[in-house]
Amino acid sequence: MNSIWQDYLREQGAEIQDGIVRYFGAGQGELAAAQDGMVLCYLSQLGVLKVSGEDAETFLQNLLSSDVREVTPWHAQFSSLNSPKGRMLASFLIWRKGVLDDADKAFFLQLPLSLCADIQQRLSKYILRSKVKIEDVSDQQISFGWAGEGSEEQLREYLGSVPVEPWGAEEVGNRVSEHNDTGVIRLGEQRFQINTTIEHAPALWQKLIVAGRPVGSPCWDWLTIHDGIPVILPATQEQFVPQMANMELIGAVNFKKGCYPGQEIVARMQYLGKLKRRMYLAHIESDAPPQPGDELYSADMEGQASGMVVNASSAPDGGYDMLAVVQISSHKDQTVHWKSLQGAALRFMRLPYPIY
């Protein structure tokens, strides 16, 4: 985290551990605010890779699961980088700045901070003679999460306008500064991401906290879980084919584009295979927190794991909410347990999108 920005947040009451904002005074109270009120979160758990250059679009198109040509200054996108075996190495939110004919063609790939160095290295191996530059700009690119009932109206009041369509993006620099370096992405009905620079972040933060309560990163993680958006972490790399984590349901896989690493496996599962596992939203009552990569069990699997935790977060009313990839038959007919058949039972909840 940028040291100047870190000092500023501490002055605002942030408790920071290992470069991540954990809370602003009261963790469980912040979760309640995220559930029922309007919240503002600095997304310190996420980093950003900037991929720029004349060949940036073609470079990413040949590597990622989505159709990167559809990413414009007005439309963001989820995507994934996969292994040759079709297993996800990382999941991204991707956006662009500037105008379409900009020769720089800069793309911004947001992913967990803990994966930035690894993914930057993996992507760099493919550059070869391409006119592409990959930079970790996590210390310069500041992203806020903004969510809650009335958040759209408040954001429109502060910034002038907000994108209307899902994953819509809009530059609002003229209302924040004289430069077009601030933008908004719509992530849900009442959930937005605001991207800006370290120069303009403090002034924007002061505007937003008039209406929104500042909260730590776990609150945003909980909201992301309830939106059914998987975030691949070091513990879950190479565990899931994209469809297992519902990536095609959130527009992160395009089955008509050309080749990319793992494309044959992903396409075969879509058209020839039978998907046996899907990602579900669930809750457990437990004193200990579940972790990404924890295995799940059900009686029908005869000692083999029937699933795995993708992401987990404390829930406002106690216990933990999680996204979990689970055997479809086990989800339908069995009780699924955390870590062992004697572990806490998962109570499944409805995702905000249909599962086919």
Foldseek 3Di string as FASTA:
>chain_A
DAPVVVVVVVVVQFDDDPQFGAWRPDALVVLVCLVAHKAKEWQRQKWKKKKWAQCRQVLVCQFKQFNSVPAFLWFWAKIFGAALQQFGQWIWIKHFDDHPPPNTGIIMTMAGPQCVVVVLVVSVVSCVPPGMDMDTCRNWKIKMKIFHVPRLVLCCVQQVHARDDARTKDFRCVSQHVDRFWMKTHHDPGMIMIIHTPVRVVVVVVSPVVGHHYTTNLSVLVVCVLQLHFGADPLCTRPDRCQLSVCVVRRHHDLPGDHHRNNVVNNCCVPPNDDFKHKFKWWWADPDWDDFNWFKDWPVVPPDTQKTWRDKGAHSVHGIMTIMIGGPVCVVPTFMATNDPPHTTIDTDDHPTDDD
